[in-house]
């Protein structure tokens, strides 16, 4: 039977996804206790409220995140973020932080969601997560673009090296309409091939990033 594997982190009140960005505020708009004054006896509802930046938890970047003329979340075709044939590329951090084009050598990338498994998600919700994360090089991004990858994801803080101001991977992939998913988890539970990938964000106009419930469907 097919199996579903959750590849996303939970969003919780006060958690930090990326240093320098505010943590989400998760609270009640209408509590169950307060709802008793509105509804019939024995009938209660909860209406929640959340305030957060788009880059929270496991999230997808659309081209608009990088480019003013790029597709925003509402303009992404469903085919670009759902039911994608997928592969997992193992790139353990012991091999170094920079993941170059050689990591993808000999793989059929065309039309695939390419998920880079570094193991970095084991540091989630710790200080270690923010320091020295693995990333793709600009050359790797160019290869993924040229070989026709449909989406690229990573289980790390950022798909780019953030030691400087340049973001060659975001620039290359998003210019080519290739969505990016960052802060994936549980990639150790998926095979290298033989699964489908889904990471569908809310359909928001003039927004380039939003959290997703990313998951794999094993065939």
N, C-alpha and C. Protein backbone atom coordinates (compact mmCIF):
# COMPACT_ATOMS: atom_id res chain seq x y z
N UNK A 1 0.84 -1.20 0.00
CA UNK A 1 0.00 0.00 0.00
C UNK A 1 0.87 1.25 0.00
N UNK A 2 0.43 2.34 -0.67
CA UNK A 2 1.20 3.59 -0.63
C UNK A 2 1.31 4.11 0.80
N UNK A 3 2.39 4.80 1.08
CA UNK A 3 2.59 5.39 2.40
C UNK A 3 2.82 6.87 2.26
N UNK A 4 2.26 7.63 3.19
CA UNK A 4 2.47 9.07 3.25
C UNK A 4 3.52 9.37 4.31
N UNK A 5 4.51 10.19 3.95
CA UNK A 5 5.55 10.59 4.90
C UNK A 5 5.55 12.10 5.00
N UNK A 6 5.34 12.60 6.20
CA UNK A 6 5.32 14.04 6.45
C UNK A 6 6.75 14.57 6.39
N UNK A 7 6.98 15.57 5.54
CA UNK A 7 8.32 16.14 5.36
C UNK A 7 8.39 17.58 5.86
N UNK A 8 7.42 17.98 6.68
CA UNK A 8 7.37 19.37 7.13
C UNK A 8 7.44 19.46 8.65
N UNK A 9 7.99 20.60 9.12
CA UNK A 9 8.04 20.90 10.54
C UNK A 9 6.71 21.50 10.98
N UNK A 10 6.35 21.28 12.23
CA UNK A 10 5.16 21.93 12.79
C UNK A 10 5.47 23.40 13.08
N UNK A 11 4.46 24.25 12.90
CA UNK A 11 4.57 25.66 13.26
C UNK A 11 4.02 25.82 14.67
N UNK A 12 4.82 26.40 15.55
CA UNK A 12 4.43 26.57 16.95
C UNK A 12 4.65 28.01 17.38
N UNK A 13 3.86 28.43 18.34
CA UNK A 13 4.00 29.76 18.91
C UNK A 13 5.42 29.97 19.44
N UNK A 14 6.05 31.06 19.02
CA UNK A 14 7.36 31.43 19.55
C UNK A 14 8.55 30.75 18.92
N UNK A 15 8.35 29.83 17.98
CA UNK A 15 9.49 29.14 17.38
C UNK A 15 10.21 30.07 16.41
N UNK A 16 11.52 29.87 16.28
CA UNK A 16 12.33 30.68 15.36
C UNK A 16 12.76 29.78 14.20
N UNK A 17 12.39 30.17 13.00
CA UNK A 17 12.80 29.44 11.80
C UNK A 17 14.12 29.97 11.27
N UNK A 18 14.27 31.28 11.29
CA UNK A 18 15.42 31.94 10.67
C UNK A 18 15.77 33.14 11.55
N UNK A 19 16.96 33.18 12.08
CA UNK A 19 17.34 34.27 12.98
C UNK A 19 17.21 35.62 12.30
N UNK A 20 16.64 36.57 13.02
CA UNK A 20 16.40 37.89 12.49
C UNK A 20 14.97 38.09 12.03
N UNK A 21 14.23 36.99 11.87
CA UNK A 21 12.82 37.08 11.51
C UNK A 21 11.98 36.76 12.75
N UNK A 22 10.86 37.45 12.94
CA UNK A 22 10.06 37.23 14.15
C UNK A 22 9.42 35.85 14.18
N UNK A 23 9.26 35.34 15.39
CA UNK A 23 8.58 34.06 15.59
C UNK A 23 7.08 34.24 15.41
N UNK A 24 6.37 33.20 15.05
CA UNK A 24 4.92 33.32 14.91
C UNK A 24 4.23 33.52 16.25
N UNK A 25 3.15 34.26 16.21
CA UNK A 25 2.28 34.43 17.38
C UNK A 25 1.00 33.65 17.09
N UNK A 26 0.79 32.61 17.85
CA UNK A 26 -0.39 31.75 17.68
C UNK A 26 -1.29 31.96 18.89
N UNK A 27 -2.52 32.40 18.67
CA UNK A 27 -3.39 32.74 19.79
C UNK A 27 -4.86 32.55 19.39
N UNK A 28 -5.74 32.87 20.31
CA UNK A 28 -7.17 32.79 20.04
C UNK A 28 -7.68 34.11 19.47
N UNK A 29 -8.49 34.03 18.46
CA UNK A 29 -9.35 35.17 18.11
C UNK A 29 -10.66 35.05 18.88
N UNK A 30 -11.18 33.82 18.91
CA UNK A 30 -12.35 33.50 19.72
C UNK A 30 -12.06 32.21 20.46
N UNK A 31 -12.00 32.26 21.78
CA UNK A 31 -11.76 31.05 22.57
C UNK A 31 -13.05 30.25 22.72
N UNK A 32 -12.92 29.00 23.07
CA UNK A 32 -14.10 28.17 23.29
C UNK A 32 -14.96 28.73 24.42
N UNK A 33 -14.28 29.23 25.47
CA UNK A 33 -15.01 29.78 26.59
C UNK A 33 -15.83 31.00 26.17
N UNK A 34 -15.20 31.88 25.39
CA UNK A 34 -15.91 33.07 24.93
C UNK A 34 -17.03 32.74 23.95
N UNK A 35 -16.86 31.65 23.19
CA UNK A 35 -17.88 31.30 22.20
C UNK A 35 -19.19 30.86 22.85
N UNK A 36 -19.14 30.49 24.13
CA UNK A 36 -20.36 30.05 24.82
C UNK A 36 -21.40 31.16 24.88
N UNK A 37 -20.93 32.40 24.81
CA UNK A 37 -21.84 33.54 24.88
C UNK A 37 -22.56 33.78 23.54
N UNK A 38 -22.08 33.16 22.49
CA UNK A 38 -22.61 33.40 21.14
C UNK A 38 -23.53 32.27 20.68
N UNK A 39 -23.16 31.03 21.01
CA UNK A 39 -23.87 29.87 20.48
C UNK A 39 -24.80 29.26 21.53
N UNK A 40 -25.58 28.32 21.09
CA UNK A 40 -26.54 27.66 21.96
C UNK A 40 -25.82 26.86 23.04
N UNK A 41 -26.46 26.58 24.14
CA UNK A 41 -25.83 25.79 25.21
C UNK A 41 -25.29 24.46 24.69
N UNK A 42 -24.06 24.17 25.07
CA UNK A 42 -23.41 22.94 24.64
C UNK A 42 -22.72 23.03 23.29
N UNK A 43 -22.82 24.19 22.65
CA UNK A 43 -22.18 24.39 21.34
C UNK A 43 -21.02 25.37 21.49
N UNK A 44 -19.82 24.90 21.20
CA UNK A 44 -18.62 25.73 21.34
C UNK A 44 -17.78 25.65 20.07
N UNK A 45 -17.09 26.75 19.76
CA UNK A 45 -16.18 26.78 18.63
C UNK A 45 -14.89 27.49 19.04
N UNK A 46 -13.83 27.18 18.30
CA UNK A 46 -12.57 27.91 18.47
C UNK A 46 -12.19 28.53 17.15
N UNK A 47 -11.89 29.80 17.14
CA UNK A 47 -11.35 30.48 15.96
C UNK A 47 -9.97 30.99 16.34
N UNK A 48 -8.97 30.45 15.67
CA UNK A 48 -7.59 30.80 15.98
C UNK A 48 -7.10 31.99 15.17
N UNK A 49 -6.02 32.56 15.63
CA UNK A 49 -5.37 33.68 14.95
C UNK A 49 -3.88 33.43 14.95
N UNK A 50 -3.23 33.73 13.83
CA UNK A 50 -1.78 33.58 13.74
C UNK A 50 -1.19 34.80 13.04
N UNK A 51 -0.11 35.31 13.60
CA UNK A 51 0.63 36.40 12.98
C UNK A 51 2.04 35.88 12.74
N UNK A 52 2.48 35.91 11.49
CA UNK A 52 3.81 35.36 11.18
C UNK A 52 4.33 35.93 9.87
N UNK A 53 5.64 35.89 9.72
CA UNK A 53 6.24 36.19 8.43
C UNK A 53 6.07 34.96 7.54
N UNK A 54 6.15 35.17 6.24
CA UNK A 54 5.93 34.08 5.30
C UNK A 54 6.97 32.97 5.45
N UNK A 55 8.20 33.35 5.81
CA UNK A 55 9.28 32.37 5.94
C UNK A 55 9.24 31.74 7.32
N UNK A 56 8.28 30.87 7.53
CA UNK A 56 8.08 30.22 8.82
C UNK A 56 7.89 28.73 8.60
N UNK A 57 8.59 27.92 9.38
CA UNK A 57 8.47 26.47 9.25
C UNK A 57 9.04 25.98 7.94
N UNK A 58 8.44 24.94 7.40
CA UNK A 58 8.81 24.43 6.07
C UNK A 58 8.02 25.25 5.05
N UNK A 59 8.72 25.95 4.16
CA UNK A 59 8.01 26.85 3.25
C UNK A 59 8.51 26.74 1.82
N UNK A 60 7.67 27.21 0.92
CA UNK A 60 7.99 27.21 -0.52
C UNK A 60 8.21 28.63 -0.99
N UNK A 61 9.25 28.80 -1.80
CA UNK A 61 9.54 30.08 -2.45
C UNK A 61 9.07 30.02 -3.90
N UNK A 62 8.23 30.96 -4.28
CA UNK A 62 7.83 31.15 -5.68
C UNK A 62 8.74 32.20 -6.31
N UNK A 63 8.75 32.31 -7.64
CA UNK A 63 9.62 33.30 -8.28
C UNK A 63 9.45 34.72 -7.77
N UNK A 64 8.25 35.12 -7.36
CA UNK A 64 8.01 36.47 -6.87
C UNK A 64 8.82 36.80 -5.62
N UNK A 65 9.23 35.78 -4.89
CA UNK A 65 10.09 35.98 -3.71
C UNK A 65 11.38 36.70 -4.09
N UNK A 66 11.88 36.43 -5.27
CA UNK A 66 13.16 37.00 -5.72
C UNK A 66 12.96 38.08 -6.79
N UNK A 67 11.93 37.93 -7.61
CA UNK A 67 11.77 38.80 -8.77
C UNK A 67 10.38 39.46 -8.78
N UNK A 68 10.35 40.78 -8.95
CA UNK A 68 9.09 41.51 -8.96
C UNK A 68 8.18 41.06 -10.09
N UNK A 69 8.76 40.59 -11.20
CA UNK A 69 7.96 40.15 -12.34
C UNK A 69 7.75 38.64 -12.34
N UNK A 70 8.14 37.97 -11.27
CA UNK A 70 8.00 36.52 -11.21
C UNK A 70 6.61 36.10 -10.76
N UNK A 71 6.29 34.84 -10.99
CA UNK A 71 4.99 34.30 -10.56
C UNK A 71 4.87 34.36 -9.05
N UNK A 72 3.72 34.86 -8.57
CA UNK A 72 3.47 34.82 -7.14
C UNK A 72 2.78 33.49 -6.79
N UNK A 73 2.45 33.31 -5.51
CA UNK A 73 1.88 32.03 -5.07
C UNK A 73 0.60 31.70 -5.80
N UNK A 74 -0.22 32.72 -6.09
CA UNK A 74 -1.50 32.48 -6.75
C UNK A 74 -1.34 32.08 -8.21
N UNK A 75 -0.17 32.35 -8.77
CA UNK A 75 0.05 32.08 -10.19
C UNK A 75 0.81 30.79 -10.44
N UNK A 76 1.23 30.11 -9.39
CA UNK A 76 1.93 28.85 -9.58
C UNK A 76 0.96 27.77 -10.07
N UNK A 77 1.26 27.10 -11.15
CA UNK A 77 0.41 25.98 -11.56
C UNK A 77 0.47 24.87 -10.50
N UNK A 78 -0.65 24.24 -10.23
CA UNK A 78 -0.63 23.13 -9.27
C UNK A 78 0.37 22.05 -9.67
N UNK A 79 0.53 21.88 -10.97
CA UNK A 79 1.46 20.86 -11.46
C UNK A 79 2.90 21.12 -11.05
N UNK A 80 3.21 22.37 -10.65
CA UNK A 80 4.58 22.71 -10.28
C UNK A 80 4.87 22.44 -8.80
N UNK A 81 3.82 22.16 -8.02
CA UNK A 81 4.01 21.99 -6.57
C UNK A 81 3.34 20.74 -6.01
N UNK A 82 2.64 19.99 -6.84
CA UNK A 82 1.89 18.82 -6.36
C UNK A 82 2.05 17.63 -7.30
N UNK A 83 2.06 16.45 -6.70
CA UNK A 83 2.10 15.18 -7.44
C UNK A 83 3.28 15.11 -8.40
N UNK A 84 4.44 15.55 -7.93
CA UNK A 84 5.66 15.54 -8.73
C UNK A 84 6.43 14.24 -8.53
N UNK A 85 6.88 13.67 -9.61
CA UNK A 85 7.83 12.56 -9.52
C UNK A 85 9.07 13.09 -8.81
N UNK A 86 9.58 12.36 -7.83
CA UNK A 86 10.62 12.92 -6.96
C UNK A 86 11.78 11.97 -6.77
N UNK A 87 12.93 12.57 -6.49
CA UNK A 87 14.12 11.81 -6.10
C UNK A 87 14.75 12.47 -4.88
N UNK A 88 15.40 11.67 -4.07
CA UNK A 88 16.17 12.19 -2.94
C UNK A 88 17.65 12.01 -3.26
N UNK A 89 18.40 13.08 -3.09
CA UNK A 89 19.85 13.06 -3.34
C UNK A 89 20.55 13.17 -1.99
N UNK A 90 21.32 12.14 -1.63
CA UNK A 90 22.00 12.12 -0.34
C UNK A 90 23.27 12.96 -0.42
N UNK A 91 23.36 13.94 0.47
CA UNK A 91 24.53 14.82 0.52
C UNK A 91 24.87 15.08 1.99
N UNK A 92 25.39 14.07 2.69
CA UNK A 92 25.66 14.22 4.12
C UNK A 92 26.67 15.32 4.41
N UNK A 93 26.49 16.00 5.52
CA UNK A 93 27.34 17.14 5.86
C UNK A 93 28.80 16.73 6.06
N UNK A 94 29.05 15.47 6.33
CA UNK A 94 30.43 15.00 6.48
C UNK A 94 31.24 15.22 5.20
N UNK A 95 30.55 15.32 4.07
CA UNK A 95 31.23 15.54 2.79
C UNK A 95 31.53 17.02 2.55
N UNK A 96 31.11 17.89 3.47
CA UNK A 96 31.34 19.32 3.32
C UNK A 96 30.04 20.09 3.20
N UNK A 97 30.11 21.40 3.47
CA UNK A 97 28.91 22.22 3.44
C UNK A 97 28.42 22.51 2.02
N UNK A 98 29.34 22.77 1.11
CA UNK A 98 28.98 23.17 -0.25
C UNK A 98 28.64 21.94 -1.09
N UNK A 99 27.46 21.91 -1.65
CA UNK A 99 26.99 20.79 -2.46
C UNK A 99 27.03 21.23 -3.92
N UNK A 100 27.97 20.67 -4.66
CA UNK A 100 28.18 21.07 -6.04
C UNK A 100 27.46 20.19 -7.03
N UNK A 101 27.65 20.45 -8.33
CA UNK A 101 26.95 19.69 -9.37
C UNK A 101 27.27 18.21 -9.38
N UNK A 102 28.43 17.84 -8.85
CA UNK A 102 28.80 16.42 -8.85
C UNK A 102 27.83 15.57 -8.02
N UNK A 103 27.15 16.19 -7.06
CA UNK A 103 26.20 15.44 -6.22
C UNK A 103 25.02 14.92 -7.04
N UNK A 104 24.78 15.53 -8.21
CA UNK A 104 23.63 15.16 -9.02
C UNK A 104 24.03 14.40 -10.28
N UNK A 105 25.30 14.08 -10.40
CA UNK A 105 25.80 13.42 -11.59
C UNK A 105 25.15 12.07 -11.84
N UNK A 106 24.79 11.83 -13.10
CA UNK A 106 24.21 10.55 -13.48
C UNK A 106 22.75 10.37 -13.09
N UNK A 107 22.12 11.39 -12.55
CA UNK A 107 20.71 11.29 -12.16
C UNK A 107 19.82 11.90 -13.23
N UNK A 108 18.68 11.29 -13.45
CA UNK A 108 17.69 11.85 -14.36
C UNK A 108 16.89 12.89 -13.57
N UNK A 109 17.09 14.17 -13.86
CA UNK A 109 16.49 15.25 -13.10
C UNK A 109 15.27 15.86 -13.79
N UNK A 110 15.08 15.58 -15.06
CA UNK A 110 14.06 16.28 -15.83
C UNK A 110 12.66 16.00 -15.30
N UNK A 111 11.95 17.08 -14.98
CA UNK A 111 10.59 16.95 -14.49
C UNK A 111 10.46 16.47 -13.07
N UNK A 112 11.59 16.38 -12.37
CA UNK A 112 11.57 15.81 -11.02
C UNK A 112 11.60 16.90 -9.94
N UNK A 113 11.00 16.58 -8.80
CA UNK A 113 11.27 17.32 -7.56
C UNK A 113 12.55 16.72 -6.99
N UNK A 114 13.59 17.53 -6.90
CA UNK A 114 14.90 17.06 -6.44
C UNK A 114 15.06 17.51 -4.99
N UNK A 115 15.04 16.55 -4.07
CA UNK A 115 15.10 16.85 -2.64
C UNK A 115 16.47 16.47 -2.11
N UNK A 116 17.18 17.45 -1.59
CA UNK A 116 18.56 17.25 -1.14
C UNK A 116 18.56 16.92 0.36
N UNK A 117 18.99 15.71 0.65
CA UNK A 117 18.99 15.19 2.02
C UNK A 117 20.38 15.34 2.62
N UNK A 118 20.54 16.32 3.51
CA UNK A 118 21.82 16.57 4.16
C UNK A 118 21.86 16.05 5.60
N UNK A 119 20.69 15.83 6.17
CA UNK A 119 20.61 15.43 7.58
C UNK A 119 20.59 16.61 8.54
N UNK A 120 20.62 17.84 7.99
CA UNK A 120 20.71 19.03 8.87
C UNK A 120 19.45 19.23 9.70
N UNK A 121 18.34 18.68 9.28
CA UNK A 121 17.09 18.90 10.03
C UNK A 121 17.15 18.30 11.43
N UNK A 122 18.12 17.45 11.69
CA UNK A 122 18.26 16.91 13.06
C UNK A 122 18.58 18.02 14.07
N UNK A 123 19.03 19.19 13.59
CA UNK A 123 19.37 20.30 14.48
C UNK A 123 18.21 21.28 14.66
N UNK A 124 17.06 21.00 14.07
CA UNK A 124 15.91 21.90 14.14
C UNK A 124 15.57 22.24 15.59
N UNK A 125 15.27 23.49 15.83
CA UNK A 125 14.94 24.05 17.15
C UNK A 125 16.12 24.03 18.11
N UNK A 126 17.34 24.04 17.56
CA UNK A 126 18.55 24.20 18.37
C UNK A 126 19.38 25.32 17.77
N UNK A 127 20.32 25.85 18.56
CA UNK A 127 21.22 26.90 18.06
C UNK A 127 22.09 26.40 16.92
N UNK A 128 22.39 25.12 16.91
CA UNK A 128 23.25 24.55 15.87
C UNK A 128 22.63 24.71 14.49
N UNK A 129 21.32 24.72 14.41
CA UNK A 129 20.64 24.79 13.12
C UNK A 129 21.01 26.05 12.34
N UNK A 130 21.31 27.12 13.05
CA UNK A 130 21.55 28.42 12.41
C UNK A 130 23.00 28.64 12.00
N UNK A 131 23.89 27.75 12.37
CA UNK A 131 25.32 27.99 12.17
C UNK A 131 25.94 26.90 11.31
N UNK A 132 26.49 27.29 10.17
CA UNK A 132 27.25 26.35 9.35
C UNK A 132 26.42 25.36 8.57
N UNK A 133 25.25 25.78 8.10
CA UNK A 133 24.35 24.87 7.39
C UNK A 133 24.90 24.49 6.01
N UNK A 134 24.53 23.32 5.48
CA UNK A 134 24.89 22.96 4.11
C UNK A 134 24.04 23.72 3.10
N UNK A 135 24.57 23.87 1.89
CA UNK A 135 23.88 24.66 0.86
C UNK A 135 24.32 24.18 -0.53
N UNK A 136 23.58 24.58 -1.54
CA UNK A 136 23.97 24.30 -2.92
C UNK A 136 24.83 25.42 -3.46
N UNK A 137 25.70 25.08 -4.37
CA UNK A 137 26.52 26.09 -5.04
C UNK A 137 25.75 26.64 -6.25
N UNK A 138 26.23 27.78 -6.76
CA UNK A 138 25.64 28.33 -7.97
C UNK A 138 25.76 27.39 -9.15
N UNK A 139 26.86 26.65 -9.21
CA UNK A 139 27.06 25.69 -10.30
C UNK A 139 26.05 24.55 -10.22
N UNK A 140 25.74 24.13 -9.00
CA UNK A 140 24.73 23.08 -8.83
C UNK A 140 23.36 23.58 -9.29
N UNK A 141 23.04 24.83 -8.95
CA UNK A 141 21.76 25.40 -9.37
C UNK A 141 21.67 25.47 -10.90
N UNK A 142 22.75 25.85 -11.54
CA UNK A 142 22.75 25.93 -13.00
C UNK A 142 22.53 24.55 -13.62
N UNK A 143 23.14 23.53 -13.04
CA UNK A 143 22.94 22.16 -13.54
C UNK A 143 21.48 21.74 -13.37
N UNK A 144 20.91 22.00 -12.20
CA UNK A 144 19.52 21.62 -11.95
C UNK A 144 18.58 22.32 -12.93
N UNK A 145 18.86 23.59 -13.20
CA UNK A 145 18.07 24.32 -14.19
C UNK A 145 18.23 23.70 -15.57
N UNK A 146 19.46 23.51 -15.99
CA UNK A 146 19.73 23.03 -17.34
C UNK A 146 19.23 21.60 -17.57
N UNK A 147 19.20 20.80 -16.50
CA UNK A 147 18.75 19.41 -16.62
C UNK A 147 17.24 19.27 -16.42
N UNK A 148 16.55 20.40 -16.20
CA UNK A 148 15.10 20.38 -16.20
C UNK A 148 14.42 19.99 -14.91
N UNK A 149 15.07 20.22 -13.76
CA UNK A 149 14.41 19.95 -12.49
C UNK A 149 13.13 20.77 -12.38
N UNK A 150 12.08 20.19 -11.80
CA UNK A 150 10.80 20.88 -11.69
C UNK A 150 10.69 21.67 -10.40
N UNK A 151 11.35 21.20 -9.34
CA UNK A 151 11.33 21.82 -8.01
C UNK A 151 12.57 21.33 -7.30
N UNK A 152 13.11 22.15 -6.41
CA UNK A 152 14.29 21.75 -5.64
C UNK A 152 14.03 22.04 -4.17
N UNK A 153 14.30 21.07 -3.31
CA UNK A 153 14.12 21.25 -1.88
C UNK A 153 15.36 20.83 -1.12
N UNK A 154 15.45 21.28 0.12
CA UNK A 154 16.59 20.94 0.97
C UNK A 154 16.14 20.93 2.43
N UNK A 155 16.77 20.07 3.23
CA UNK A 155 16.44 19.97 4.66
C UNK A 155 17.41 20.81 5.49
N UNK A 156 17.59 22.05 5.10
CA UNK A 156 18.60 22.92 5.70
C UNK A 156 18.02 24.31 5.92
N UNK A 157 18.79 25.15 6.60
CA UNK A 157 18.38 26.53 6.90
C UNK A 157 18.12 27.34 5.65
N UNK A 158 18.95 27.15 4.62
CA UNK A 158 18.81 27.92 3.39
C UNK A 158 19.46 27.13 2.27
N UNK A 159 18.89 27.22 1.09
CA UNK A 159 19.47 26.51 -0.05
C UNK A 159 20.73 27.22 -0.55
N UNK A 160 20.92 28.48 -0.14
CA UNK A 160 22.09 29.28 -0.51
C UNK A 160 23.05 29.40 0.67
N UNK A 161 24.28 29.71 0.36
CA UNK A 161 25.26 30.16 1.35
C UNK A 161 24.86 31.57 1.75
N UNK A 162 24.69 31.81 3.05
CA UNK A 162 24.24 33.14 3.50
C UNK A 162 25.37 33.95 4.13
N UNK A 163 26.62 33.54 3.91
CA UNK A 163 27.74 34.28 4.49
C UNK A 163 27.93 35.63 3.82
N UNK A 164 27.41 35.80 2.60
CA UNK A 164 27.46 37.08 1.90
C UNK A 164 26.06 37.48 1.48
N UNK A 165 25.97 38.50 0.67
CA UNK A 165 24.66 39.00 0.24
C UNK A 165 24.13 38.37 -1.03
N UNK A 166 24.96 37.61 -1.73
CA UNK A 166 24.51 37.00 -2.97
C UNK A 166 23.66 35.77 -2.68
N UNK A 167 22.74 35.49 -3.56
CA UNK A 167 21.90 34.30 -3.45
C UNK A 167 21.80 33.65 -4.83
N UNK A 168 22.90 33.06 -5.31
CA UNK A 168 22.90 32.54 -6.68
C UNK A 168 21.91 31.40 -6.92
N UNK A 169 21.65 30.59 -5.91
CA UNK A 169 20.74 29.46 -6.12
C UNK A 169 19.30 29.95 -6.24
N UNK A 170 18.88 30.81 -5.32
CA UNK A 170 17.56 31.40 -5.46
C UNK A 170 17.43 32.12 -6.80
N UNK A 171 18.44 32.90 -7.16
CA UNK A 171 18.38 33.69 -8.38
C UNK A 171 18.24 32.81 -9.61
N UNK A 172 19.02 31.75 -9.67
CA UNK A 172 19.01 30.87 -10.85
C UNK A 172 17.72 30.07 -10.94
N UNK A 173 17.33 29.43 -9.86
CA UNK A 173 16.17 28.55 -9.90
C UNK A 173 14.87 29.34 -10.06
N UNK A 174 14.69 30.40 -9.30
CA UNK A 174 13.44 31.14 -9.37
C UNK A 174 13.29 31.90 -10.68
N UNK A 175 14.39 32.35 -11.26
CA UNK A 175 14.32 32.98 -12.58
C UNK A 175 13.82 31.98 -13.61
N UNK A 176 14.10 30.70 -13.40
CA UNK A 176 13.67 29.65 -14.32
C UNK A 176 12.33 29.04 -13.93
N UNK A 177 11.61 29.69 -13.02
CA UNK A 177 10.30 29.21 -12.55
C UNK A 177 10.37 27.85 -11.87
N UNK A 178 11.46 27.61 -11.17
CA UNK A 178 11.63 26.37 -10.41
C UNK A 178 11.42 26.69 -8.94
N UNK A 179 10.30 26.28 -8.33
CA UNK A 179 10.07 26.58 -6.92
C UNK A 179 11.12 25.92 -6.03
N UNK A 180 11.30 26.52 -4.85
CA UNK A 180 12.27 26.04 -3.86
C UNK A 180 11.51 25.75 -2.56
N UNK A 181 11.82 24.63 -1.93
CA UNK A 181 11.28 24.33 -0.60
C UNK A 181 12.44 24.18 0.37
N UNK A 182 12.39 24.96 1.45
CA UNK A 182 13.46 24.94 2.46
C UNK A 182 12.92 24.43 3.79
N UNK A 183 13.82 23.99 4.65
CA UNK A 183 13.48 23.47 5.98
C UNK A 183 12.63 22.20 5.90
N UNK A 184 12.94 21.35 4.96
CA UNK A 184 12.29 20.03 4.89
C UNK A 184 12.83 19.16 6.03
N UNK A 185 12.10 18.14 6.40
CA UNK A 185 12.57 17.20 7.40
C UNK A 185 12.16 15.78 7.00
N UNK A 186 12.70 14.80 7.71
CA UNK A 186 12.36 13.38 7.53
C UNK A 186 12.76 12.80 6.18
N UNK A 187 13.72 13.39 5.50
CA UNK A 187 14.14 12.83 4.21
C UNK A 187 14.86 11.49 4.37
N UNK A 188 15.27 11.17 5.58
CA UNK A 188 15.86 9.85 5.81
C UNK A 188 14.82 8.74 5.67
N UNK A 189 13.55 9.10 5.66
CA UNK A 189 12.48 8.11 5.58
C UNK A 189 12.00 7.84 4.16
N UNK A 190 12.54 8.58 3.19
CA UNK A 190 12.12 8.37 1.80
C UNK A 190 13.22 7.65 1.04
N UNK A 191 12.87 6.88 0.03
CA UNK A 191 13.89 6.22 -0.80
C UNK A 191 14.50 7.23 -1.76
N UNK A 192 15.49 6.80 -2.50
CA UNK A 192 16.12 7.70 -3.45
C UNK A 192 15.24 7.95 -4.67
N UNK A 193 14.29 7.07 -4.93
CA UNK A 193 13.35 7.23 -6.04
C UNK A 193 12.10 6.43 -5.71
N UNK A 194 11.09 6.57 -6.56
CA UNK A 194 9.88 5.79 -6.36
C UNK A 194 8.89 6.45 -5.42
N UNK A 195 8.80 7.78 -5.45
CA UNK A 195 7.80 8.47 -4.64
C UNK A 195 7.39 9.76 -5.33
N UNK A 196 6.24 10.30 -4.90
CA UNK A 196 5.72 11.56 -5.40
C UNK A 196 5.84 12.61 -4.30
N UNK A 197 6.00 13.87 -4.70
CA UNK A 197 6.20 14.94 -3.73
C UNK A 197 5.11 16.00 -3.89
N UNK A 198 4.62 16.49 -2.74
CA UNK A 198 3.59 17.52 -2.70
C UNK A 198 4.01 18.61 -1.72
N UNK A 199 3.90 19.87 -2.12
CA UNK A 199 4.22 21.01 -1.24
C UNK A 199 3.41 22.22 -1.70
N UNK A 200 2.13 22.22 -1.36
CA UNK A 200 1.20 23.22 -1.90
C UNK A 200 0.99 24.35 -0.89
N UNK A 201 1.32 25.58 -1.26
CA UNK A 201 1.09 26.73 -0.37
C UNK A 201 -0.31 27.30 -0.57
N UNK A 202 -0.70 28.19 0.33
CA UNK A 202 -1.96 28.93 0.16
C UNK A 202 -1.85 29.83 -1.07
N UNK A 203 -2.96 30.02 -1.75
CA UNK A 203 -2.99 30.76 -3.02
C UNK A 203 -3.14 32.26 -2.73
N UNK A 204 -2.01 32.93 -2.43
CA UNK A 204 -2.03 34.33 -2.02
C UNK A 204 -1.45 35.20 -3.14
N UNK A 205 -2.16 36.25 -3.52
CA UNK A 205 -1.66 37.17 -4.53
C UNK A 205 -0.60 38.09 -3.94
N UNK A 206 0.39 38.43 -4.77
CA UNK A 206 1.48 39.33 -4.41
C UNK A 206 2.26 38.84 -3.19
N UNK A 207 2.37 37.51 -3.08
CA UNK A 207 3.17 36.87 -2.03
C UNK A 207 4.08 35.88 -2.71
N UNK A 208 5.32 35.79 -2.23
CA UNK A 208 6.28 34.89 -2.87
C UNK A 208 6.67 33.68 -2.05
N UNK A 209 6.27 33.64 -0.79
CA UNK A 209 6.67 32.55 0.10
C UNK A 209 5.52 32.22 1.04
N UNK A 210 5.37 30.94 1.38
CA UNK A 210 4.37 30.57 2.38
C UNK A 210 4.67 29.16 2.89
N UNK A 211 4.35 28.90 4.17
CA UNK A 211 4.52 27.54 4.70
C UNK A 211 3.71 26.51 3.92
N UNK A 212 4.20 25.29 3.90
CA UNK A 212 3.52 24.18 3.22
C UNK A 212 3.47 22.96 4.14
N UNK A 213 2.54 22.11 3.91
CA UNK A 213 2.53 20.75 4.49
C UNK A 213 3.13 19.84 3.44
N UNK A 214 4.45 19.77 3.43
CA UNK A 214 5.14 18.96 2.43
C UNK A 214 5.05 17.49 2.82
N UNK A 215 4.84 16.64 1.81
CA UNK A 215 4.80 15.20 2.10
C UNK A 215 5.18 14.39 0.89
N UNK A 216 5.61 13.17 1.16
CA UNK A 216 5.96 12.22 0.11
C UNK A 216 4.92 11.11 0.09
N UNK A 217 4.57 10.68 -1.10
CA UNK A 217 3.71 9.52 -1.29
C UNK A 217 4.56 8.42 -1.90
N UNK A 218 4.83 7.39 -1.11
CA UNK A 218 5.64 6.27 -1.59
C UNK A 218 4.78 5.36 -2.46
N UNK A 219 5.32 4.99 -3.59
CA UNK A 219 4.57 4.19 -4.57
C UNK A 219 4.78 2.69 -4.32
